[in-house]
Amino acid sequence: ATVPDWIAAVRALVGEYGSGSASLAADYYEAQRVTAQVTGRFTVPLLDPPPDAQVENSLRWATKDLWPRDPEDPKTTDAQKLPLDGRLDAAETKAEAVAQKLVTDQGRGTVQNAVQQDRAAVGWARTASLGACAFCKLLAARGAIYKSDTVRFRAHDGCHCMAVPVFKGQRFELSPHAAE
């Protein structure tokens, strides 16, 4: 009975912190332009919060195993067979990862959209954090090859990868750790 209120509260948090993520990403993008000695003016457009349906669907996915099912039902997941404390812990972990992704995606999207609209930008590179999954490391190892509006930043729940803009006259090189 409290799930709709909880979803509304998380939706508000995602909107508030997502706006902060987008704003910080815009500041970061502008700082990267200065570092690259890009001339001319450009205003970084901030990405809007995710649609309400996306937030709700993501949170409902994260909590889907909270409600137990008959252990004999073939649709019952292993998670649904756990005691309530175990189901709550798993749902909390998934919900936190979902919220983190929804917030961080607004920052990533702000950088991506800026790269697509800024004539001085030639593309963006994915940076993977330490401990990143193999998929993220693979995409980051490709370097600054992304620009097209058909290539979107794909992140998974709990992903800490970011998009780094690259400008005309700049040469993007992987860090020694990333190259390794």
N, C-alpha and C. Protein backbone atom coordinates (compact mmCIF):
# COMPACT_ATOMS: atom_id res chain seq x y z
N ALA A 1 0.82 -1.20 0.00
CA ALA A 1 0.00 0.00 0.00
C ALA A 1 0.87 1.27 0.00
N THR A 2 2.09 1.17 0.53
CA THR A 2 2.95 2.36 0.59
C THR A 2 3.84 2.52 -0.63
N VAL A 3 3.85 1.54 -1.51
CA VAL A 3 4.74 1.59 -2.68
C VAL A 3 4.49 2.84 -3.54
N PRO A 4 3.26 3.21 -3.87
CA PRO A 4 3.08 4.42 -4.69
C PRO A 4 3.65 5.68 -4.03
N ASP A 5 3.49 5.82 -2.71
CA ASP A 5 4.07 6.98 -2.02
C ASP A 5 5.59 6.93 -2.05
N TRP A 6 6.14 5.73 -1.88
CA TRP A 6 7.60 5.57 -1.93
C TRP A 6 8.13 5.92 -3.32
N ILE A 7 7.45 5.45 -4.36
CA ILE A 7 7.87 5.76 -5.73
C ILE A 7 7.81 7.26 -5.98
N ALA A 8 6.76 7.92 -5.50
CA ALA A 8 6.66 9.38 -5.66
C ALA A 8 7.81 10.09 -4.95
N ALA A 9 8.17 9.61 -3.76
CA ALA A 9 9.27 10.23 -3.01
C ALA A 9 10.60 10.02 -3.73
N VAL A 10 10.84 8.81 -4.23
CA VAL A 10 12.09 8.55 -4.95
C VAL A 10 12.12 9.34 -6.25
N ARG A 11 10.97 9.44 -6.92
CA ARG A 11 10.89 10.23 -8.16
C ARG A 11 11.31 11.68 -7.89
N ALA A 12 10.85 12.24 -6.77
CA ALA A 12 11.23 13.60 -6.40
C ALA A 12 12.73 13.70 -6.14
N LEU A 13 13.28 12.72 -5.46
CA LEU A 13 14.73 12.72 -5.18
C LEU A 13 15.53 12.59 -6.47
N VAL A 14 15.08 11.72 -7.36
CA VAL A 14 15.77 11.54 -8.65
C VAL A 14 15.73 12.86 -9.43
N GLY A 15 14.60 13.53 -9.40
CA GLY A 15 14.50 14.82 -10.09
C GLY A 15 15.43 15.86 -9.49
N GLU A 16 15.45 15.96 -8.16
CA GLU A 16 16.29 16.96 -7.49
C GLU A 16 17.78 16.67 -7.68
N TYR A 17 18.19 15.45 -7.36
CA TYR A 17 19.61 15.12 -7.48
C TYR A 17 20.03 14.98 -8.93
N GLY A 18 19.12 14.57 -9.80
CA GLY A 18 19.42 14.50 -11.22
C GLY A 18 19.67 15.88 -11.80
N SER A 19 18.91 16.87 -11.35
CA SER A 19 19.16 18.25 -11.80
C SER A 19 20.53 18.71 -11.35
N GLY A 20 20.92 18.31 -10.14
CA GLY A 20 22.26 18.63 -9.65
C GLY A 20 23.32 17.93 -10.48
N SER A 21 23.07 16.68 -10.85
CA SER A 21 24.01 15.93 -11.69
C SER A 21 24.17 16.61 -13.05
N ALA A 22 23.06 17.03 -13.64
CA ALA A 22 23.11 17.72 -14.94
C ALA A 22 23.85 19.05 -14.82
N SER A 23 23.60 19.78 -13.75
CA SER A 23 24.26 21.07 -13.55
C SER A 23 25.77 20.89 -13.36
N LEU A 24 26.15 19.90 -12.56
CA LEU A 24 27.58 19.63 -12.36
C LEU A 24 28.23 19.18 -13.68
N ALA A 25 27.52 18.39 -14.46
CA ALA A 25 28.04 17.95 -15.76
C ALA A 25 28.23 19.14 -16.69
N ALA A 26 27.32 20.10 -16.65
CA ALA A 26 27.46 21.29 -17.49
C ALA A 26 28.69 22.10 -17.05
N ASP A 27 28.88 22.24 -15.75
CA ASP A 27 30.08 22.93 -15.25
C ASP A 27 31.35 22.20 -15.69
N TYR A 28 31.32 20.88 -15.58
CA TYR A 28 32.45 20.05 -16.01
C TYR A 28 32.73 20.25 -17.50
N TYR A 29 31.67 20.24 -18.31
CA TYR A 29 31.82 20.41 -19.76
C TYR A 29 32.45 21.77 -20.07
N GLU A 30 31.95 22.80 -19.42
CA GLU A 30 32.50 24.14 -19.64
C GLU A 30 33.96 24.21 -19.22
N ALA A 31 34.32 23.57 -18.12
CA ALA A 31 35.72 23.54 -17.68
C ALA A 31 36.60 22.80 -18.69
N GLN A 32 36.06 21.74 -19.28
CA GLN A 32 36.81 21.00 -20.30
C GLN A 32 37.03 21.87 -21.54
N ARG A 33 36.05 22.69 -21.89
CA ARG A 33 36.20 23.62 -23.02
C ARG A 33 37.33 24.62 -22.74
N VAL A 34 37.35 25.14 -21.51
CA VAL A 34 38.39 26.10 -21.13
C VAL A 34 39.76 25.43 -21.19
N THR A 35 39.85 24.22 -20.64
CA THR A 35 41.12 23.48 -20.65
C THR A 35 41.60 23.23 -22.08
N ALA A 36 40.67 22.96 -22.98
CA ALA A 36 41.01 22.71 -24.38
C ALA A 36 41.22 24.00 -25.16
N GLN A 37 41.10 25.13 -24.49
CA GLN A 37 41.27 26.47 -25.09
C GLN A 37 40.33 26.67 -26.28
N VAL A 38 39.09 26.23 -26.11
CA VAL A 38 38.09 26.43 -27.14
C VAL A 38 37.60 27.87 -27.07
N THR A 39 37.55 28.52 -28.22
CA THR A 39 37.04 29.89 -28.28
C THR A 39 35.58 29.86 -28.69
N GLY A 40 34.93 30.95 -28.48
CA GLY A 40 33.51 31.04 -28.84
C GLY A 40 32.64 30.65 -27.66
N ARG A 41 31.39 31.06 -27.77
CA ARG A 41 30.44 30.81 -26.69
C ARG A 41 29.61 29.57 -26.98
N PHE A 42 29.27 28.89 -25.91
CA PHE A 42 28.38 27.73 -26.02
C PHE A 42 27.70 27.57 -24.67
N THR A 43 26.41 27.41 -24.71
CA THR A 43 25.65 27.18 -23.49
C THR A 43 25.25 25.71 -23.45
N VAL A 44 25.67 25.05 -22.40
CA VAL A 44 25.38 23.62 -22.25
C VAL A 44 23.92 23.44 -21.87
N PRO A 45 23.16 22.73 -22.70
CA PRO A 45 21.75 22.46 -22.35
C PRO A 45 21.68 21.33 -21.31
N LEU A 46 20.89 21.55 -20.27
CA LEU A 46 20.75 20.54 -19.22
C LEU A 46 19.72 19.50 -19.63
N LEU A 47 20.02 18.26 -19.33
CA LEU A 47 19.10 17.17 -19.64
C LEU A 47 17.94 17.17 -18.66
N ASP A 48 16.75 16.92 -19.14
CA ASP A 48 15.57 16.83 -18.29
C ASP A 48 15.60 15.55 -17.46
N PRO A 49 14.87 15.54 -16.35
CA PRO A 49 14.77 14.31 -15.57
C PRO A 49 14.12 13.20 -16.39
N PRO A 50 14.34 11.95 -15.99
CA PRO A 50 13.72 10.85 -16.73
C PRO A 50 12.21 10.91 -16.60
N PRO A 51 11.49 10.35 -17.56
CA PRO A 51 10.03 10.32 -17.48
C PRO A 51 9.58 9.57 -16.23
N ASP A 52 8.44 9.99 -15.69
CA ASP A 52 7.89 9.35 -14.49
C ASP A 52 7.75 7.84 -14.69
N ALA A 53 7.32 7.43 -15.87
CA ALA A 53 7.11 6.00 -16.14
C ALA A 53 8.43 5.22 -16.05
N GLN A 54 9.52 5.83 -16.50
CA GLN A 54 10.82 5.15 -16.42
C GLN A 54 11.24 4.95 -14.97
N VAL A 55 11.05 5.98 -14.15
CA VAL A 55 11.39 5.88 -12.73
C VAL A 55 10.53 4.80 -12.08
N GLU A 56 9.24 4.86 -12.33
CA GLU A 56 8.33 3.89 -11.71
C GLU A 56 8.65 2.46 -12.15
N ASN A 57 8.85 2.25 -13.44
CA ASN A 57 9.15 0.91 -13.93
C ASN A 57 10.46 0.38 -13.35
N SER A 58 11.45 1.25 -13.25
CA SER A 58 12.74 0.84 -12.70
C SER A 58 12.62 0.45 -11.23
N LEU A 59 11.87 1.24 -10.48
CA LEU A 59 11.71 0.94 -9.05
C LEU A 59 10.85 -0.30 -8.83
N ARG A 60 9.85 -0.49 -9.67
CA ARG A 60 9.02 -1.69 -9.53
C ARG A 60 9.84 -2.94 -9.87
N TRP A 61 10.74 -2.82 -10.85
CA TRP A 61 11.65 -3.94 -11.15
C TRP A 61 12.52 -4.24 -9.93
N ALA A 62 13.06 -3.19 -9.31
CA ALA A 62 13.96 -3.37 -8.17
C ALA A 62 13.28 -4.04 -6.98
N THR A 63 11.98 -3.86 -6.87
CA THR A 63 11.25 -4.40 -5.71
C THR A 63 10.37 -5.59 -6.05
N LYS A 64 10.48 -6.09 -7.25
CA LYS A 64 9.56 -7.16 -7.70
C LYS A 64 9.65 -8.43 -6.87
N ASP A 65 10.78 -8.69 -6.26
CA ASP A 65 10.94 -9.92 -5.50
C ASP A 65 10.54 -9.79 -4.03
N LEU A 66 10.05 -8.63 -3.64
CA LEU A 66 9.65 -8.45 -2.24
C LEU A 66 8.47 -9.34 -1.84
N TRP A 67 7.56 -9.54 -2.74
CA TRP A 67 6.34 -10.28 -2.43
C TRP A 67 6.54 -11.76 -2.68
N PRO A 68 6.37 -12.58 -1.66
CA PRO A 68 6.63 -14.01 -1.82
C PRO A 68 5.57 -14.67 -2.70
N ARG A 69 5.96 -15.75 -3.30
CA ARG A 69 5.05 -16.57 -4.10
C ARG A 69 5.10 -17.99 -3.55
N ASP A 70 4.19 -18.76 -4.00
CA ASP A 70 4.17 -20.16 -3.63
C ASP A 70 5.46 -20.81 -4.13
N PRO A 71 6.24 -21.44 -3.25
CA PRO A 71 7.51 -22.04 -3.66
C PRO A 71 7.36 -23.08 -4.77
N GLU A 72 6.18 -23.63 -4.91
CA GLU A 72 5.96 -24.64 -5.96
C GLU A 72 5.62 -24.02 -7.32
N ASP A 73 5.28 -22.73 -7.32
CA ASP A 73 4.96 -22.02 -8.56
C ASP A 73 6.24 -21.89 -9.39
N PRO A 74 6.25 -22.33 -10.66
CA PRO A 74 7.47 -22.25 -11.48
C PRO A 74 7.93 -20.81 -11.74
N LYS A 75 7.03 -19.84 -11.57
CA LYS A 75 7.41 -18.44 -11.78
C LYS A 75 8.11 -17.84 -10.57
N THR A 76 8.15 -18.55 -9.47
CA THR A 76 8.77 -18.05 -8.25
C THR A 76 10.29 -18.01 -8.43
N THR A 77 10.87 -16.84 -8.17
CA THR A 77 12.32 -16.69 -8.28
C THR A 77 12.99 -17.15 -6.99
N ASP A 78 14.29 -17.40 -7.07
CA ASP A 78 15.04 -17.77 -5.87
C ASP A 78 14.96 -16.66 -4.83
N ALA A 79 14.99 -15.41 -5.29
CA ALA A 79 14.91 -14.28 -4.37
C ALA A 79 13.59 -14.27 -3.61
N GLN A 80 12.51 -14.66 -4.25
CA GLN A 80 11.20 -14.66 -3.60
C GLN A 80 11.07 -15.76 -2.56
N LYS A 81 11.98 -16.70 -2.58
CA LYS A 81 11.96 -17.78 -1.60
C LYS A 81 12.73 -17.41 -0.32
N LEU A 82 13.46 -16.29 -0.36
CA LEU A 82 14.24 -15.87 0.80
C LEU A 82 13.32 -15.37 1.92
N PRO A 83 13.82 -15.35 3.16
CA PRO A 83 13.05 -14.73 4.23
C PRO A 83 12.88 -13.24 3.95
N LEU A 84 11.93 -12.61 4.60
CA LEU A 84 11.61 -11.21 4.35
C LEU A 84 12.84 -10.30 4.47
N ASP A 85 13.67 -10.50 5.49
CA ASP A 85 14.86 -9.65 5.65
C ASP A 85 15.77 -9.72 4.43
N GLY A 86 15.95 -10.91 3.89
CA GLY A 86 16.77 -11.09 2.70
C GLY A 86 16.17 -10.41 1.49
N ARG A 87 14.85 -10.52 1.34
CA ARG A 87 14.17 -9.86 0.21
C ARG A 87 14.26 -8.35 0.33
N LEU A 88 14.13 -7.83 1.56
CA LEU A 88 14.23 -6.38 1.78
C LEU A 88 15.64 -5.87 1.46
N ASP A 89 16.66 -6.60 1.92
CA ASP A 89 18.05 -6.20 1.64
C ASP A 89 18.32 -6.18 0.13
N ALA A 90 17.86 -7.22 -0.56
CA ALA A 90 18.08 -7.28 -2.01
C ALA A 90 17.36 -6.15 -2.72
N ALA A 91 16.12 -5.87 -2.32
CA ALA A 91 15.36 -4.79 -2.96
C ALA A 91 16.01 -3.44 -2.68
N GLU A 92 16.50 -3.24 -1.47
CA GLU A 92 17.16 -1.97 -1.14
C GLU A 92 18.41 -1.77 -2.01
N THR A 93 19.20 -2.82 -2.16
CA THR A 93 20.41 -2.73 -2.98
C THR A 93 20.06 -2.40 -4.42
N LYS A 94 19.07 -3.08 -4.97
CA LYS A 94 18.66 -2.82 -6.36
C LYS A 94 18.08 -1.42 -6.51
N ALA A 95 17.26 -0.98 -5.56
CA ALA A 95 16.63 0.34 -5.65
C ALA A 95 17.68 1.44 -5.57
N GLU A 96 18.67 1.27 -4.71
CA GLU A 96 19.75 2.27 -4.62
C GLU A 96 20.52 2.36 -5.94
N ALA A 97 20.83 1.20 -6.54
CA ALA A 97 21.55 1.19 -7.81
C ALA A 97 20.72 1.82 -8.92
N VAL A 98 19.42 1.55 -8.93
CA VAL A 98 18.53 2.14 -9.93
C VAL A 98 18.50 3.66 -9.78
N ALA A 99 18.33 4.14 -8.56
CA ALA A 99 18.27 5.59 -8.32
C ALA A 99 19.59 6.25 -8.70
N GLN A 100 20.71 5.62 -8.34
CA GLN A 100 22.02 6.18 -8.69
C GLN A 100 22.16 6.30 -10.20
N LYS A 101 21.72 5.27 -10.94
CA LYS A 101 21.82 5.31 -12.40
C LYS A 101 20.93 6.41 -12.98
N LEU A 102 19.70 6.51 -12.50
CA LEU A 102 18.79 7.53 -13.02
C LEU A 102 19.34 8.93 -12.79
N VAL A 103 19.96 9.16 -11.64
CA VAL A 103 20.55 10.47 -11.33
C VAL A 103 21.77 10.72 -12.20
N THR A 104 22.67 9.75 -12.24
CA THR A 104 23.92 9.92 -12.99
C THR A 104 23.68 10.02 -14.49
N ASP A 105 22.65 9.33 -14.99
CA ASP A 105 22.34 9.41 -16.42
C ASP A 105 22.03 10.84 -16.86
N GLN A 106 21.51 11.66 -15.96
CA GLN A 106 21.23 13.04 -16.34
C GLN A 106 22.53 13.81 -16.58
N GLY A 107 23.55 13.52 -15.80
CA GLY A 107 24.86 14.13 -16.03
C GLY A 107 25.50 13.61 -17.31
N ARG A 108 25.46 12.29 -17.48
CA ARG A 108 26.03 11.70 -18.70
C ARG A 108 25.33 12.24 -19.95
N GLY A 109 24.01 12.30 -19.88
CA GLY A 109 23.24 12.79 -21.02
C GLY A 109 23.50 14.25 -21.32
N THR A 110 23.73 15.04 -20.28
CA THR A 110 24.04 16.45 -20.48
C THR A 110 25.34 16.59 -21.27
N VAL A 111 26.37 15.82 -20.92
CA VAL A 111 27.64 15.87 -21.64
C VAL A 111 27.44 15.39 -23.07
N GLN A 112 26.74 14.29 -23.25
CA GLN A 112 26.51 13.76 -24.60
C GLN A 112 25.79 14.76 -25.49
N ASN A 113 24.71 15.33 -24.99
CA ASN A 113 23.95 16.29 -25.79
C ASN A 113 24.79 17.52 -26.12
N ALA A 114 25.61 17.95 -25.17
CA ALA A 114 26.48 19.11 -25.42
C ALA A 114 27.47 18.78 -26.54
N VAL A 115 28.06 17.60 -26.52
CA VAL A 115 29.00 17.19 -27.56
C VAL A 115 28.31 17.21 -28.93
N GLN A 116 27.08 16.75 -28.99
CA GLN A 116 26.36 16.71 -30.27
C GLN A 116 26.04 18.11 -30.78
N GLN A 117 25.81 19.06 -29.89
CA GLN A 117 25.40 20.39 -30.30
C GLN A 117 26.56 21.39 -30.42
N ASP A 118 27.68 21.11 -29.80
CA ASP A 118 28.81 22.02 -29.78
C ASP A 118 29.68 21.78 -31.00
N ARG A 119 29.80 22.78 -31.85
CA ARG A 119 30.60 22.64 -33.08
C ARG A 119 32.07 22.42 -32.80
N ALA A 120 32.51 22.82 -31.62
CA ALA A 120 33.93 22.65 -31.26
C ALA A 120 34.23 21.24 -30.78
N ALA A 121 33.22 20.47 -30.47
CA ALA A 121 33.43 19.11 -29.96
C ALA A 121 33.54 18.13 -31.13
N VAL A 122 34.47 17.20 -31.00
CA VAL A 122 34.63 16.18 -32.04
C VAL A 122 34.09 14.82 -31.58
N GLY A 123 33.83 14.68 -30.30
CA GLY A 123 33.29 13.42 -29.80
C GLY A 123 33.43 13.31 -28.30
N TRP A 124 33.19 12.11 -27.80
CA TRP A 124 33.34 11.85 -26.38
C TRP A 124 33.91 10.45 -26.19
N ALA A 125 34.55 10.29 -25.06
CA ALA A 125 35.11 8.99 -24.70
C ALA A 125 34.47 8.53 -23.41
N ARG A 126 34.38 7.25 -23.25
CA ARG A 126 33.86 6.67 -22.01
C ARG A 126 35.04 6.45 -21.08
N THR A 127 34.86 6.86 -19.84
CA THR A 127 35.88 6.56 -18.83
C THR A 127 35.28 5.57 -17.86
N ALA A 128 36.03 4.52 -17.61
CA ALA A 128 35.57 3.49 -16.68
C ALA A 128 36.27 3.68 -15.35
N SER A 129 35.52 3.50 -14.29
CA SER A 129 36.10 3.63 -12.96
C SER A 129 36.86 2.36 -12.60
N LEU A 130 37.70 2.45 -11.58
CA LEU A 130 38.38 1.26 -11.09
C LEU A 130 37.33 0.25 -10.66
N GLY A 131 37.55 -0.97 -10.97
CA GLY A 131 36.58 -2.01 -10.62
C GLY A 131 35.41 -2.11 -11.58
N ALA A 132 35.51 -1.43 -12.72
CA ALA A 132 34.42 -1.47 -13.71
C ALA A 132 34.28 -2.89 -14.26
N CYS A 133 33.09 -3.16 -14.77
CA CYS A 133 32.84 -4.48 -15.37
C CYS A 133 33.58 -4.58 -16.71
N ALA A 134 33.69 -5.79 -17.22
CA ALA A 134 34.42 -6.04 -18.47
C ALA A 134 33.80 -5.28 -19.64
N PHE A 135 32.47 -5.19 -19.68
CA PHE A 135 31.80 -4.49 -20.78
C PHE A 135 32.19 -3.00 -20.77
N CYS A 136 32.15 -2.37 -19.60
CA CYS A 136 32.50 -0.96 -19.51
C CYS A 136 33.97 -0.74 -19.86
N LYS A 137 34.84 -1.62 -19.42
CA LYS A 137 36.27 -1.51 -19.76
C LYS A 137 36.48 -1.62 -21.26
N LEU A 138 35.76 -2.52 -21.89
CA LEU A 138 35.86 -2.70 -23.34
C LEU A 138 35.46 -1.42 -24.07
N LEU A 139 34.33 -0.84 -23.68
CA LEU A 139 33.87 0.39 -24.34
C LEU A 139 34.82 1.56 -24.07
N ALA A 140 35.36 1.64 -22.86
CA ALA A 140 36.29 2.72 -22.53
C ALA A 140 37.60 2.58 -23.31
N ALA A 141 38.02 1.36 -23.57
CA ALA A 141 39.28 1.14 -24.28
C ALA A 141 39.21 1.60 -25.74
N ARG A 142 38.01 1.82 -26.24
CA ARG A 142 37.86 2.25 -27.63
C ARG A 142 38.27 3.71 -27.83
N GLY A 143 38.33 4.48 -26.75
CA GLY A 143 38.76 5.87 -26.84
C GLY A 143 37.65 6.82 -27.24
N ALA A 144 38.05 7.94 -27.83
CA ALA A 144 37.12 9.02 -28.16
C ALA A 144 36.52 8.82 -29.55
N ILE A 145 35.68 7.84 -29.67
CA ILE A 145 35.10 7.53 -30.99
C ILE A 145 33.62 7.84 -31.08
N TYR A 146 33.04 8.32 -29.99
CA TYR A 146 31.60 8.50 -29.95
C TYR A 146 31.19 9.94 -30.22
N LYS A 147 30.24 10.15 -31.12
CA LYS A 147 29.66 11.47 -31.30
C LYS A 147 28.24 11.39 -31.82
N SER A 148 28.00 10.50 -32.72
CA SER A 148 26.71 10.41 -33.40
C SER A 148 25.55 10.36 -32.42
N ASP A 149 24.42 10.92 -32.84
CA ASP A 149 23.23 10.87 -31.97
C ASP A 149 22.62 9.47 -31.95
N THR A 150 23.15 8.55 -32.77
CA THR A 150 22.67 7.18 -32.73
C THR A 150 23.42 6.35 -31.68
N VAL A 151 24.52 6.89 -31.17
CA VAL A 151 25.30 6.19 -30.15
C VAL A 151 25.01 6.86 -28.82
N ARG A 152 24.29 6.16 -27.98
CA ARG A 152 23.94 6.68 -26.66
C ARG A 152 24.79 6.00 -25.61
N PHE A 153 25.02 6.70 -24.52
CA PHE A 153 25.78 6.16 -23.40
C PHE A 153 24.91 5.11 -22.72
N ARG A 154 25.34 3.89 -22.73
CA ARG A 154 24.63 2.80 -22.06
C ARG A 154 25.31 2.54 -20.72
N ALA A 155 24.54 2.61 -19.68
CA ALA A 155 25.06 2.34 -18.34
C ALA A 155 24.15 1.33 -17.66
N HIS A 156 24.72 0.57 -16.79
CA HIS A 156 23.94 -0.39 -16.02
C HIS A 156 23.77 0.14 -14.61
N ASP A 157 22.89 -0.46 -13.85
CA ASP A 157 22.69 -0.05 -12.47
C ASP A 157 24.02 -0.17 -11.72
N GLY A 158 24.37 0.87 -10.99
CA GLY A 158 25.61 0.87 -10.23
C GLY A 158 26.83 1.26 -11.05
N CYS A 159 26.64 1.61 -12.31
CA CYS A 159 27.75 2.00 -13.20
C CYS A 159 28.27 3.38 -12.80
N HIS A 160 29.59 3.52 -12.77
CA HIS A 160 30.20 4.80 -12.42
C HIS A 160 30.98 5.39 -13.59
N CYS A 161 30.77 4.89 -14.78
CA CYS A 161 31.45 5.41 -15.96
C CYS A 161 30.88 6.79 -16.32
N MET A 162 31.70 7.58 -17.00
CA MET A 162 31.29 8.92 -17.40
C MET A 162 31.70 9.16 -18.86
N ALA A 163 31.15 10.23 -19.42
CA ALA A 163 31.51 10.66 -20.77
C ALA A 163 32.45 11.86 -20.66
N VAL A 164 33.57 11.81 -21.38
CA VAL A 164 34.54 12.89 -21.39
C VAL A 164 34.52 13.54 -22.77
N PRO A 165 34.24 14.84 -22.86
CA PRO A 165 34.22 15.49 -24.17
C PRO A 165 35.63 15.68 -24.73
N VAL A 166 35.73 15.62 -26.05
CA VAL A 166 36.99 15.86 -26.73
C VAL A 166 36.72 16.93 -27.78
N PHE A 167 37.62 17.92 -27.84
CA PHE A 167 37.42 19.08 -28.71
C PHE A 167 38.46 19.13 -29.82
N LYS A 168 38.15 19.92 -30.87
CA LYS A 168 39.07 20.10 -31.99
C LYS A 168 40.44 20.50 -31.45
N GLY A 169 41.46 19.90 -32.00
CA GLY A 169 42.82 20.22 -31.57
C GLY A 169 43.28 19.40 -30.38
N GLN A 170 42.39 18.70 -29.76
CA GLN A 170 42.76 17.84 -28.63
C GLN A 170 43.03 16.44 -29.13
N ARG A 171 43.89 15.78 -28.44
CA ARG A 171 44.12 14.36 -28.74
C ARG A 171 43.83 13.59 -27.47
N PHE A 172 42.88 12.69 -27.56
CA PHE A 172 42.50 11.90 -26.40
C PHE A 172 43.38 10.66 -26.33
N GLU A 173 43.97 10.44 -25.17
CA GLU A 173 44.77 9.25 -24.95
C GLU A 173 44.29 8.55 -23.70
N LEU A 174 44.24 7.26 -23.77
CA LEU A 174 43.87 6.48 -22.60
C LEU A 174 44.94 6.61 -21.52
N SER A 175 44.52 6.58 -20.29
CA SER A 175 45.49 6.57 -19.20
C SER A 175 46.26 5.25 -19.28
N PRO A 176 47.45 5.19 -18.69
CA PRO A 176 48.21 3.93 -18.72
C PRO A 176 47.39 2.77 -18.13
N HIS A 177 46.65 3.04 -17.07
CA HIS A 177 45.83 2.00 -16.45
C HIS A 177 44.75 1.51 -17.42
N ALA A 178 44.09 2.44 -18.11
CA ALA A 178 43.04 2.06 -19.06
C ALA A 178 43.63 1.34 -20.27
N ALA A 179 44.78 1.79 -20.73
CA ALA A 179 45.41 1.13 -21.87
C ALA A 179 45.80 -0.31 -21.54
N GLU A 180 46.25 -0.50 -20.30
CA GLU A 180 46.61 -1.85 -19.86
C GLU A 180 45.39 -2.74 -19.84
